[in-house]
């Protein structure tokens, strides 16, 4: 039995994250990312590359790298909001 609302939230989050439908939509949203931001995001979060290696591969500064990652996360969030979270309301 759940001791509090946080336990229930964790259970729901676990089910959401491991659902096939979510991952299918997540990968489609990642596929919609554009440019160097898309490449940097994939290298960091999918390929687990180090930031220094990503900067070298893309020939960008660390500051530019973090801006690209931030913008990619915002794009991904917007896409997930449209394609996943609005679907479950």
C-alpha atoms as a PDB file:
ATOM      1  CA  UNK A   1       0.000   0.000   0.000  1.00  0.00           C
ATOM      2  CA  UNK A   2       1.205   3.524  -0.732  1.00  0.00           C
ATOM      3  CA  UNK A   3       2.297   5.428   2.335  1.00  0.00           C
ATOM      4  CA  UNK A   4       1.689   8.843   0.809  1.00  0.00           C
ATOM      5  CA  UNK A   5       1.003  10.677  -2.413  1.00  0.00           C
ATOM      6  CA  UNK A   6       4.713  10.722  -3.312  1.00  0.00           C
ATOM      7  CA  UNK A   7       4.747   6.907  -3.446  1.00  0.00           C
ATOM      8  CA  UNK A   8       1.715   6.950  -5.729  1.00  0.00           C
ATOM      9  CA  UNK A   9       3.321   9.580  -7.940  1.00  0.00           C
ATOM     10  CA  UNK A  10       6.461   7.438  -8.200  1.00  0.00           C
ATOM     11  CA  UNK A  11       4.431   4.393  -9.210  1.00  0.00           C
ATOM     12  CA  UNK A  12       2.561   6.342 -11.880  1.00  0.00           C
ATOM     13  CA  UNK A  13       5.805   7.872 -13.153  1.00  0.00           C
ATOM     14  CA  UNK A  14       7.435   4.431 -13.338  1.00  0.00           C
ATOM     15  CA  UNK A  15       4.534   3.059 -15.366  1.00  0.00           C
ATOM     16  CA  UNK A  16       4.573   6.097 -17.655  1.00  0.00           C
ATOM     17  CA  UNK A  17       8.299   6.036 -18.310  1.00  0.00           C
ATOM     18  CA  UNK A  18       8.373   2.353 -19.136  1.00  0.00           C
ATOM     19  CA  UNK A  19       5.324   2.317 -21.331  1.00  0.00           C
ATOM     20  CA  UNK A  20       5.955   1.431 -24.955  1.00  0.00           C
ATOM     21  CA  UNK A  21       3.654   4.173 -26.216  1.00  0.00           C
ATOM     22  CA  UNK A  22       5.617   6.841 -24.372  1.00  0.00           C
ATOM     23  CA  UNK A  23       8.938   5.662 -25.794  1.00  0.00           C
ATOM     24  CA  UNK A  24       7.507   5.532 -29.295  1.00  0.00           C
ATOM     25  CA  UNK A  25       6.356   9.151 -29.025  1.00  0.00           C
ATOM     26  CA  UNK A  26       9.580  10.170 -27.255  1.00  0.00           C
ATOM     27  CA  UNK A  27      11.708   8.819 -30.125  1.00  0.00           C
ATOM     28  CA  UNK A  28       9.501  10.552 -32.684  1.00  0.00           C
ATOM     29  CA  UNK A  29       9.917  13.821 -30.782  1.00  0.00           C
ATOM     30  CA  UNK A  30      13.691  13.382 -30.565  1.00  0.00           C
ATOM     31  CA  UNK A  31      13.658  12.746 -34.313  1.00  0.00           C
ATOM     32  CA  UNK A  32      12.028  16.156 -34.827  1.00  0.00           C
ATOM     33  CA  UNK A  33      14.916  18.019 -33.173  1.00  0.00           C
ATOM     34  CA  UNK A  34      16.905  20.084 -35.656  1.00  0.00           C
ATOM     35  CA  UNK A  35      20.524  20.935 -36.395  1.00  0.00           C
ATOM     36  CA  UNK A  36      23.455  20.779 -34.037  1.00  0.00           C
ATOM     37  CA  UNK A  37      21.101  20.811 -31.058  1.00  0.00           C
ATOM     38  CA  UNK A  38      19.676  17.481 -32.178  1.00  0.00           C
ATOM     39  CA  UNK A  39      23.142  16.027 -32.618  1.00  0.00           C
ATOM     40  CA  UNK A  40      24.339  17.338 -29.246  1.00  0.00           C
ATOM     41  CA  UNK A  41      21.213  16.013 -27.495  1.00  0.00           C
ATOM     42  CA  UNK A  42      21.586  12.540 -29.000  1.00  0.00           C
ATOM     43  CA  UNK A  43      25.286  12.408 -28.224  1.00  0.00           C
ATOM     44  CA  UNK A  44      24.718  13.453 -24.605  1.00  0.00           C
ATOM     45  CA  UNK A  45      21.555  11.589 -23.629  1.00  0.00           C
ATOM     46  CA  UNK A  46      21.420   8.624 -25.993  1.00  0.00           C
ATOM     47  CA  UNK A  47      25.089   7.904 -26.716  1.00  0.00           C
ATOM     48  CA  UNK A  48      26.280   9.124 -23.268  1.00  0.00           C
ATOM     49  CA  UNK A  49      29.217  11.070 -24.718  1.00  0.00           C
ATOM     50  CA  UNK A  50      31.182  13.491 -22.554  1.00  0.00           C
ATOM     51  CA  UNK A  51      30.513  17.195 -23.118  1.00  0.00           C
ATOM     52  CA  UNK A  52      34.162  17.849 -24.062  1.00  0.00           C
ATOM     53  CA  UNK A  53      33.957  15.188 -26.779  1.00  0.00           C
ATOM     54  CA  UNK A  54      30.694  16.629 -28.081  1.00  0.00           C
ATOM     55  CA  UNK A  55      32.176  20.112 -28.254  1.00  0.00           C
ATOM     56  CA  UNK A  56      35.193  18.791 -30.155  1.00  0.00           C
ATOM     57  CA  UNK A  57      33.085  16.739 -32.566  1.00  0.00           C
ATOM     58  CA  UNK A  58      30.714  19.634 -33.311  1.00  0.00           C
ATOM     59  CA  UNK A  59      33.467  22.271 -33.168  1.00  0.00           C
ATOM     60  CA  UNK A  60      31.558  24.407 -30.663  1.00  0.00           C
ATOM     61  CA  UNK A  61      32.402  26.135 -27.394  1.00  0.00           C
ATOM     62  CA  UNK A  62      31.173  24.792 -24.049  1.00  0.00           C
ATOM     63  CA  UNK A  63      28.835  27.796 -23.755  1.00  0.00           C
ATOM     64  CA  UNK A  64      27.340  27.094 -27.171  1.00  0.00           C
ATOM     65  CA  UNK A  65      27.004  23.408 -26.224  1.00  0.00           C
ATOM     66  CA  UNK A  66      24.899  24.224 -23.147  1.00  0.00           C
ATOM     67  CA  UNK A  67      22.727  26.622 -25.152  1.00  0.00           C
ATOM     68  CA  UNK A  68      22.132  23.903 -27.766  1.00  0.00           C
ATOM     69  CA  UNK A  69      21.258  21.342 -25.071  1.00  0.00           C
ATOM     70  CA  UNK A  70      18.906  23.796 -23.367  1.00  0.00           C
ATOM     71  CA  UNK A  71      17.119  24.637 -26.608  1.00  0.00           C
ATOM     72  CA  UNK A  72      16.866  20.974 -27.576  1.00  0.00           C
ATOM     73  CA  UNK A  73      15.272  20.200 -24.197  1.00  0.00           C
ATOM     74  CA  UNK A  74      12.767  23.007 -24.714  1.00  0.00           C
ATOM     75  CA  UNK A  75      11.919  21.702 -28.197  1.00  0.00           C
ATOM     76  CA  UNK A  76      11.562  18.176 -26.843  1.00  0.00           C
ATOM     77  CA  UNK A  77       9.341  19.353 -23.999  1.00  0.00           C
ATOM     78  CA  UNK A  78       7.098  21.239 -26.431  1.00  0.00           C
ATOM     79  CA  UNK A  79       6.833  18.215 -28.710  1.00  0.00           C
ATOM     80  CA  UNK A  80       6.044  15.888 -25.787  1.00  0.00           C
ATOM     81  CA  UNK A  81       3.445  18.348 -24.503  1.00  0.00           C
ATOM     82  CA  UNK A  82       1.722  18.306 -27.891  1.00  0.00           C
ATOM     83  CA  UNK A  83       2.094  14.622 -28.711  1.00  0.00           C
ATOM     84  CA  UNK A  84       1.940  12.822 -25.362  1.00  0.00           C
ATOM     85  CA  UNK A  85       0.631  14.849 -22.460  1.00  0.00           C
ATOM     86  CA  UNK A  86      -2.327  16.270 -24.377  1.00  0.00           C
ATOM     87  CA  UNK A  87      -3.247  12.713 -25.427  1.00  0.00           C
ATOM     88  CA  UNK A  88      -3.774  11.512 -21.831  1.00  0.00           C
ATOM     89  CA  UNK A  89      -6.058  14.346 -20.729  1.00  0.00           C
END
